[in-house]
N, C-alpha and C. Protein backbone atom coordinates (compact mmCIF):
# COMPACT_ATOMS: atom_id res chain seq x y z
N UNK A 1 29.30 -16.80 13.94
CA UNK A 1 28.57 -15.55 14.00
C UNK A 1 27.14 -15.78 13.51
N UNK A 2 26.17 -15.27 14.25
CA UNK A 2 24.78 -15.41 13.87
C UNK A 2 24.49 -14.55 12.64
N UNK A 3 23.49 -14.97 11.89
CA UNK A 3 23.13 -14.27 10.66
C UNK A 3 22.81 -12.80 10.93
N UNK A 4 22.02 -12.53 11.96
CA UNK A 4 21.60 -11.16 12.26
C UNK A 4 22.76 -10.28 12.68
N UNK A 5 23.80 -10.87 13.25
CA UNK A 5 24.95 -10.08 13.70
C UNK A 5 25.80 -9.57 12.55
N UNK A 6 25.58 -10.07 11.38
CA UNK A 6 26.34 -9.62 10.21
C UNK A 6 25.87 -8.25 9.72
N UNK A 7 24.73 -7.83 10.19
CA UNK A 7 24.15 -6.57 9.73
C UNK A 7 24.28 -5.49 10.78
N UNK A 8 24.34 -4.26 10.32
CA UNK A 8 24.40 -3.13 11.23
C UNK A 8 23.01 -2.94 11.86
N UNK A 9 22.94 -2.22 12.96
CA UNK A 9 21.62 -1.94 13.55
C UNK A 9 20.68 -1.26 12.56
N UNK A 10 21.22 -0.38 11.75
CA UNK A 10 20.39 0.31 10.75
C UNK A 10 19.82 -0.67 9.72
N UNK A 11 20.66 -1.62 9.29
CA UNK A 11 20.19 -2.62 8.33
C UNK A 11 19.14 -3.53 8.95
N UNK A 12 19.34 -3.90 10.21
CA UNK A 12 18.34 -4.73 10.90
C UNK A 12 17.03 -3.97 11.05
N UNK A 13 17.13 -2.69 11.38
CA UNK A 13 15.91 -1.87 11.52
C UNK A 13 15.17 -1.79 10.18
N UNK A 14 15.91 -1.61 9.10
CA UNK A 14 15.28 -1.57 7.78
C UNK A 14 14.62 -2.91 7.45
N UNK A 15 15.31 -4.00 7.76
CA UNK A 15 14.75 -5.33 7.52
C UNK A 15 13.41 -5.48 8.24
N UNK A 16 13.36 -5.13 9.53
CA UNK A 16 12.12 -5.30 10.29
C UNK A 16 11.04 -4.32 9.82
N UNK A 17 11.46 -3.16 9.35
CA UNK A 17 10.48 -2.22 8.80
C UNK A 17 9.86 -2.81 7.52
N UNK A 18 10.67 -3.44 6.71
CA UNK A 18 10.15 -4.08 5.50
C UNK A 18 9.21 -5.22 5.87
N UNK A 19 9.55 -5.98 6.89
CA UNK A 19 8.67 -7.06 7.35
C UNK A 19 7.33 -6.48 7.81
N UNK A 20 7.39 -5.42 8.64
CA UNK A 20 6.14 -4.79 9.10
C UNK A 20 5.35 -4.23 7.92
N UNK A 21 6.06 -3.61 6.96
CA UNK A 21 5.39 -3.08 5.77
C UNK A 21 4.70 -4.21 5.00
N UNK A 22 5.40 -5.31 4.87
CA UNK A 22 4.82 -6.45 4.15
C UNK A 22 3.56 -6.97 4.82
N UNK A 23 3.62 -7.13 6.14
CA UNK A 23 2.44 -7.61 6.87
C UNK A 23 1.28 -6.62 6.78
N UNK A 24 1.59 -5.37 7.03
CA UNK A 24 0.55 -4.33 6.96
C UNK A 24 0.04 -4.19 5.54
N UNK A 25 0.97 -4.17 4.61
CA UNK A 25 0.59 -4.02 3.20
C UNK A 25 -0.26 -5.17 2.70
N UNK A 26 0.07 -6.38 3.13
CA UNK A 26 -0.75 -7.53 2.73
C UNK A 26 -2.17 -7.38 3.27
N UNK A 27 -2.27 -6.95 4.52
CA UNK A 27 -3.59 -6.75 5.11
C UNK A 27 -4.37 -5.67 4.36
N UNK A 28 -3.74 -4.53 4.14
CA UNK A 28 -4.42 -3.42 3.46
C UNK A 28 -4.77 -3.81 2.03
N UNK A 29 -3.83 -4.44 1.34
CA UNK A 29 -4.07 -4.86 -0.04
C UNK A 29 -5.16 -5.92 -0.11
N UNK A 30 -5.17 -6.83 0.85
CA UNK A 30 -6.22 -7.85 0.89
C UNK A 30 -7.58 -7.20 1.09
N UNK A 31 -7.64 -6.19 1.94
CA UNK A 31 -8.90 -5.46 2.14
C UNK A 31 -9.34 -4.81 0.84
N UNK A 32 -8.41 -4.11 0.18
CA UNK A 32 -8.72 -3.44 -1.08
C UNK A 32 -9.15 -4.45 -2.14
N UNK A 33 -8.40 -5.53 -2.28
CA UNK A 33 -8.71 -6.53 -3.30
C UNK A 33 -10.06 -7.21 -3.02
N UNK A 34 -10.33 -7.50 -1.76
CA UNK A 34 -11.60 -8.13 -1.40
C UNK A 34 -12.78 -7.22 -1.71
N UNK A 35 -12.62 -5.94 -1.38
CA UNK A 35 -13.69 -4.98 -1.68
C UNK A 35 -13.88 -4.86 -3.19
N UNK A 36 -12.76 -4.71 -3.92
CA UNK A 36 -12.82 -4.62 -5.38
C UNK A 36 -13.52 -5.83 -5.98
N UNK A 37 -13.05 -7.03 -5.63
CA UNK A 37 -13.59 -8.25 -6.23
C UNK A 37 -15.05 -8.45 -5.87
N UNK A 38 -15.40 -8.21 -4.60
CA UNK A 38 -16.78 -8.38 -4.18
C UNK A 38 -17.71 -7.45 -4.95
N UNK A 39 -17.30 -6.20 -5.08
CA UNK A 39 -18.15 -5.24 -5.79
C UNK A 39 -18.19 -5.51 -7.29
N UNK A 40 -17.04 -5.88 -7.87
CA UNK A 40 -16.99 -6.10 -9.33
C UNK A 40 -17.61 -7.44 -9.73
N UNK A 41 -17.17 -8.53 -9.09
CA UNK A 41 -17.59 -9.86 -9.52
C UNK A 41 -18.92 -10.30 -8.91
N UNK A 42 -19.13 -9.98 -7.64
CA UNK A 42 -20.34 -10.45 -6.96
C UNK A 42 -21.49 -9.47 -7.15
N UNK A 43 -21.22 -8.18 -6.93
CA UNK A 43 -22.29 -7.18 -7.03
C UNK A 43 -22.50 -6.68 -8.47
N UNK A 44 -21.55 -6.97 -9.37
CA UNK A 44 -21.70 -6.57 -10.76
C UNK A 44 -21.42 -5.10 -11.02
N UNK A 45 -20.74 -4.46 -10.10
CA UNK A 45 -20.40 -3.04 -10.26
C UNK A 45 -19.31 -2.89 -11.33
N UNK A 46 -19.28 -1.75 -12.01
CA UNK A 46 -18.22 -1.49 -12.98
C UNK A 46 -16.86 -1.63 -12.30
N UNK A 47 -15.91 -2.25 -12.98
CA UNK A 47 -14.62 -2.57 -12.36
C UNK A 47 -13.87 -1.34 -11.85
N UNK A 48 -13.96 -0.22 -12.56
CA UNK A 48 -13.23 0.97 -12.11
C UNK A 48 -13.91 1.61 -10.90
N UNK A 49 -15.21 1.56 -10.82
CA UNK A 49 -15.92 2.07 -9.65
C UNK A 49 -15.60 1.19 -8.44
N UNK A 50 -15.61 -0.11 -8.64
CA UNK A 50 -15.25 -1.04 -7.56
C UNK A 50 -13.82 -0.80 -7.09
N UNK A 51 -12.91 -0.55 -8.03
CA UNK A 51 -11.51 -0.27 -7.68
C UNK A 51 -11.41 1.03 -6.88
N UNK A 52 -12.16 2.06 -7.26
CA UNK A 52 -12.14 3.34 -6.55
C UNK A 52 -12.63 3.17 -5.10
N UNK A 53 -13.69 2.43 -4.91
CA UNK A 53 -14.21 2.22 -3.56
C UNK A 53 -13.21 1.44 -2.72
N UNK A 54 -12.61 0.42 -3.30
CA UNK A 54 -11.58 -0.34 -2.60
C UNK A 54 -10.37 0.52 -2.25
N UNK A 55 -10.02 1.42 -3.16
CA UNK A 55 -8.90 2.34 -2.93
C UNK A 55 -9.17 3.26 -1.75
N UNK A 56 -10.34 3.86 -1.70
CA UNK A 56 -10.67 4.80 -0.61
C UNK A 56 -10.60 4.09 0.74
N UNK A 57 -11.13 2.89 0.80
CA UNK A 57 -11.06 2.12 2.05
C UNK A 57 -9.62 1.81 2.41
N UNK A 58 -8.82 1.43 1.42
CA UNK A 58 -7.41 1.09 1.66
C UNK A 58 -6.60 2.29 2.13
N UNK A 59 -6.90 3.48 1.62
CA UNK A 59 -6.18 4.69 2.07
C UNK A 59 -6.43 4.92 3.55
N UNK A 60 -7.66 4.82 3.96
CA UNK A 60 -8.00 5.04 5.38
C UNK A 60 -7.34 4.00 6.28
N UNK A 61 -7.49 2.75 5.91
CA UNK A 61 -6.89 1.67 6.71
C UNK A 61 -5.37 1.79 6.68
N UNK A 62 -4.82 2.07 5.51
CA UNK A 62 -3.37 2.12 5.33
C UNK A 62 -2.68 3.22 6.11
N UNK A 63 -3.26 4.41 6.14
CA UNK A 63 -2.62 5.50 6.86
C UNK A 63 -2.49 5.17 8.34
N UNK A 64 -3.57 4.71 8.91
CA UNK A 64 -3.56 4.38 10.34
C UNK A 64 -2.56 3.26 10.62
N UNK A 65 -2.61 2.21 9.82
CA UNK A 65 -1.74 1.06 10.05
C UNK A 65 -0.27 1.38 9.83
N UNK A 66 0.05 2.06 8.74
CA UNK A 66 1.45 2.37 8.47
C UNK A 66 2.00 3.40 9.46
N UNK A 67 1.20 4.37 9.83
CA UNK A 67 1.66 5.38 10.77
C UNK A 67 1.93 4.79 12.15
N UNK A 68 1.06 3.87 12.58
CA UNK A 68 1.20 3.35 13.93
C UNK A 68 2.03 2.07 14.02
N UNK A 69 2.24 1.37 12.91
CA UNK A 69 2.94 0.09 12.97
C UNK A 69 4.18 0.05 12.08
N UNK A 70 4.01 0.25 10.79
CA UNK A 70 5.12 0.09 9.85
C UNK A 70 6.24 1.09 10.11
N UNK A 71 5.89 2.35 10.17
CA UNK A 71 6.89 3.42 10.29
C UNK A 71 6.87 4.02 11.69
N UNK A 72 6.63 3.20 12.69
CA UNK A 72 6.47 3.69 14.05
C UNK A 72 7.74 4.32 14.62
N UNK A 73 8.91 3.84 14.27
CA UNK A 73 10.14 4.44 14.80
C UNK A 73 10.29 5.89 14.32
N UNK A 74 9.94 6.11 13.06
CA UNK A 74 10.01 7.47 12.54
C UNK A 74 9.02 8.37 13.25
N UNK A 75 7.95 7.79 13.78
CA UNK A 75 6.94 8.56 14.49
C UNK A 75 7.42 9.13 15.79
N UNK A 76 8.50 8.59 16.33
CA UNK A 76 9.01 9.08 17.60
C UNK A 76 10.00 10.21 17.43
N UNK A 77 10.40 10.44 16.20
CA UNK A 77 11.33 11.55 15.96
C UNK A 77 10.57 12.86 16.06
N UNK A 78 11.20 13.82 16.69
CA UNK A 78 10.60 15.13 16.88
C UNK A 78 10.40 15.83 15.55
N UNK A 79 9.20 16.36 15.32
CA UNK A 79 8.94 17.17 14.14
C UNK A 79 8.87 16.38 12.84
N UNK A 80 8.58 15.12 12.91
CA UNK A 80 8.56 14.27 11.72
C UNK A 80 7.55 14.80 10.71
N UNK A 81 8.04 15.15 9.55
CA UNK A 81 7.23 15.49 8.37
C UNK A 81 6.07 16.44 8.65
N UNK A 82 6.16 17.25 9.71
CA UNK A 82 5.17 18.28 9.95
C UNK A 82 3.84 17.83 10.52
N UNK A 83 3.78 16.69 11.16
CA UNK A 83 2.55 16.25 11.81
C UNK A 83 1.60 15.52 10.88
N UNK A 84 0.42 15.19 11.45
CA UNK A 84 -0.55 14.38 10.72
C UNK A 84 -1.07 15.06 9.47
N UNK A 85 -1.28 16.36 9.50
CA UNK A 85 -1.83 17.04 8.31
C UNK A 85 -0.88 16.92 7.12
N UNK A 86 0.39 17.24 7.35
CA UNK A 86 1.37 17.16 6.26
C UNK A 86 1.59 15.72 5.82
N UNK A 87 1.75 14.82 6.81
CA UNK A 87 1.94 13.40 6.49
C UNK A 87 0.72 12.85 5.77
N UNK A 88 -0.44 13.22 6.25
CA UNK A 88 -1.67 12.75 5.62
C UNK A 88 -1.79 13.18 4.18
N UNK A 89 -1.44 14.45 3.91
CA UNK A 89 -1.49 14.95 2.53
C UNK A 89 -0.49 14.20 1.65
N UNK A 90 0.71 13.98 2.16
CA UNK A 90 1.71 13.22 1.40
C UNK A 90 1.26 11.79 1.19
N UNK A 91 0.67 11.20 2.24
CA UNK A 91 0.18 9.82 2.13
C UNK A 91 -0.90 9.71 1.06
N UNK A 92 -1.80 10.67 1.02
CA UNK A 92 -2.84 10.67 -0.01
C UNK A 92 -2.22 10.81 -1.39
N UNK A 93 -1.20 11.66 -1.54
CA UNK A 93 -0.52 11.81 -2.83
C UNK A 93 0.09 10.48 -3.28
N UNK A 94 0.78 9.82 -2.37
CA UNK A 94 1.36 8.51 -2.70
C UNK A 94 0.25 7.51 -2.98
N UNK A 95 -0.82 7.59 -2.24
CA UNK A 95 -1.94 6.68 -2.46
C UNK A 95 -2.59 6.90 -3.82
N UNK A 96 -2.57 8.14 -4.29
CA UNK A 96 -3.09 8.41 -5.64
C UNK A 96 -2.23 7.72 -6.70
N UNK A 97 -0.93 7.68 -6.46
CA UNK A 97 -0.05 6.93 -7.36
C UNK A 97 -0.41 5.45 -7.30
N UNK A 98 -0.64 4.97 -6.10
CA UNK A 98 -1.05 3.58 -5.92
C UNK A 98 -2.37 3.31 -6.66
N UNK A 99 -3.31 4.22 -6.50
CA UNK A 99 -4.59 4.07 -7.19
C UNK A 99 -4.41 4.05 -8.70
N UNK A 100 -3.58 4.96 -9.20
CA UNK A 100 -3.34 5.02 -10.65
C UNK A 100 -2.71 3.71 -11.15
N UNK A 101 -1.76 3.18 -10.39
CA UNK A 101 -1.16 1.90 -10.79
C UNK A 101 -2.21 0.79 -10.79
N UNK A 102 -3.02 0.73 -9.73
CA UNK A 102 -4.05 -0.31 -9.67
C UNK A 102 -5.10 -0.13 -10.76
N UNK A 103 -5.45 1.11 -11.07
CA UNK A 103 -6.38 1.36 -12.18
C UNK A 103 -5.76 0.91 -13.50
N UNK A 104 -4.46 1.11 -13.64
CA UNK A 104 -3.76 0.63 -14.84
C UNK A 104 -3.84 -0.88 -14.94
N UNK A 105 -3.59 -1.59 -13.80
CA UNK A 105 -3.66 -3.06 -13.83
C UNK A 105 -5.07 -3.52 -14.19
N UNK A 106 -6.10 -2.86 -13.61
CA UNK A 106 -7.48 -3.23 -13.91
C UNK A 106 -7.79 -2.99 -15.39
N UNK A 107 -7.41 -1.83 -15.90
CA UNK A 107 -7.67 -1.54 -17.30
C UNK A 107 -6.93 -2.52 -18.21
N UNK A 108 -5.64 -2.73 -17.93
CA UNK A 108 -4.82 -3.59 -18.76
C UNK A 108 -5.35 -5.03 -18.77
N UNK A 109 -5.60 -5.56 -17.59
CA UNK A 109 -6.00 -6.97 -17.49
C UNK A 109 -7.45 -7.21 -17.88
N UNK A 110 -8.37 -6.43 -17.30
CA UNK A 110 -9.79 -6.70 -17.48
C UNK A 110 -10.34 -6.04 -18.74
N UNK A 111 -10.11 -4.75 -18.90
CA UNK A 111 -10.70 -4.03 -20.02
C UNK A 111 -9.96 -4.32 -21.33
N UNK A 112 -8.65 -4.17 -21.32
CA UNK A 112 -7.88 -4.32 -22.56
C UNK A 112 -7.69 -5.78 -22.96
N UNK A 113 -7.29 -6.63 -22.01
CA UNK A 113 -7.00 -8.03 -22.33
C UNK A 113 -8.24 -8.93 -22.25
N UNK A 114 -9.28 -8.46 -21.58
CA UNK A 114 -10.50 -9.25 -21.46
C UNK A 114 -10.38 -10.41 -20.48
N UNK A 115 -9.44 -10.31 -19.57
CA UNK A 115 -9.23 -11.36 -18.58
C UNK A 115 -10.27 -11.23 -17.46
N UNK A 116 -10.36 -12.21 -16.57
CA UNK A 116 -11.35 -12.15 -15.48
C UNK A 116 -11.04 -11.05 -14.45
N UNK A 117 -12.03 -10.73 -13.64
CA UNK A 117 -11.92 -9.64 -12.67
C UNK A 117 -10.79 -9.85 -11.67
N UNK A 118 -10.41 -11.08 -11.37
CA UNK A 118 -9.34 -11.34 -10.40
C UNK A 118 -7.94 -11.13 -10.99
N UNK A 119 -7.82 -11.05 -12.30
CA UNK A 119 -6.50 -11.03 -12.95
C UNK A 119 -5.59 -9.86 -12.57
N UNK A 120 -6.08 -8.66 -12.23
CA UNK A 120 -5.15 -7.61 -11.82
C UNK A 120 -4.63 -7.75 -10.38
N UNK A 121 -5.21 -8.66 -9.61
CA UNK A 121 -4.85 -8.76 -8.20
C UNK A 121 -3.37 -9.09 -7.97
N UNK A 122 -2.73 -9.98 -8.74
CA UNK A 122 -1.29 -10.20 -8.51
C UNK A 122 -0.44 -8.92 -8.64
N UNK A 123 -0.72 -8.10 -9.63
CA UNK A 123 0.02 -6.84 -9.76
C UNK A 123 -0.30 -5.90 -8.60
N UNK A 124 -1.56 -5.91 -8.15
CA UNK A 124 -1.97 -5.09 -7.01
C UNK A 124 -1.24 -5.53 -5.74
N UNK A 125 -0.96 -6.82 -5.63
CA UNK A 125 -0.35 -7.38 -4.42
C UNK A 125 1.17 -7.25 -4.42
N UNK A 126 1.81 -7.34 -5.59
CA UNK A 126 3.27 -7.37 -5.62
C UNK A 126 3.93 -6.11 -6.17
N UNK A 127 3.46 -5.58 -7.27
CA UNK A 127 4.14 -4.44 -7.91
C UNK A 127 3.80 -3.13 -7.22
N UNK A 128 2.52 -2.85 -7.08
CA UNK A 128 2.11 -1.58 -6.48
C UNK A 128 2.68 -1.39 -5.07
N UNK A 129 2.60 -2.38 -4.18
CA UNK A 129 3.15 -2.17 -2.84
C UNK A 129 4.65 -1.89 -2.81
N UNK A 130 5.41 -2.47 -3.72
CA UNK A 130 6.86 -2.20 -3.75
C UNK A 130 7.13 -0.75 -4.08
N UNK A 131 6.41 -0.22 -5.04
CA UNK A 131 6.57 1.19 -5.43
C UNK A 131 6.16 2.09 -4.26
N UNK A 132 5.05 1.77 -3.64
CA UNK A 132 4.51 2.60 -2.56
C UNK A 132 5.41 2.56 -1.32
N UNK A 133 6.03 1.42 -1.02
CA UNK A 133 6.95 1.35 0.12
C UNK A 133 8.07 2.37 -0.03
N UNK A 134 8.69 2.39 -1.18
CA UNK A 134 9.80 3.31 -1.42
C UNK A 134 9.34 4.75 -1.25
N UNK A 135 8.21 5.10 -1.82
CA UNK A 135 7.70 6.47 -1.71
C UNK A 135 7.35 6.82 -0.26
N UNK A 136 6.69 5.91 0.44
CA UNK A 136 6.34 6.18 1.84
C UNK A 136 7.58 6.32 2.72
N UNK A 137 8.53 5.46 2.52
CA UNK A 137 9.74 5.47 3.35
C UNK A 137 10.59 6.72 3.10
N UNK A 138 10.70 7.09 1.83
CA UNK A 138 11.59 8.19 1.48
C UNK A 138 10.93 9.57 1.57
N UNK A 139 9.61 9.63 1.54
CA UNK A 139 8.98 10.94 1.48
C UNK A 139 7.93 11.16 2.57
N UNK A 140 7.03 10.23 2.77
CA UNK A 140 5.91 10.46 3.69
C UNK A 140 6.30 10.33 5.14
N UNK A 141 6.92 9.21 5.50
CA UNK A 141 7.20 8.92 6.90
C UNK A 141 8.68 9.11 7.23
N UNK A 142 9.36 9.92 6.51
CA UNK A 142 10.78 10.17 6.70
C UNK A 142 11.04 10.94 7.95
């Protein structure tokens, strides 16, 4: 029996959704991290201002990418989450949680610990996206 045949269609769909989320999330997170680092380390901008600008860009890129790629199957269901306005508002709410987590990593690593500007990036890449996936899957794009 092939490995994939051991799983139900629902489990396979979830697996591929996680893969799409990972690819999209890596792209969005890389955009956010690159903007943050460039503004903070290269341009000398305050780390929290740089993080805010990176966050705003990531929200815009993320909504489009997740709506059209990551959670595309849910997009075909009739009446999903009340359309773009409702989904967009929920997405922004979840993104605010993401922003708060990333601001926490920046404060903890750079401000509190005195580490270099790149030090919060691992938490931004691994911890924040895991939390946001669960919230997006269960609430925004349901």
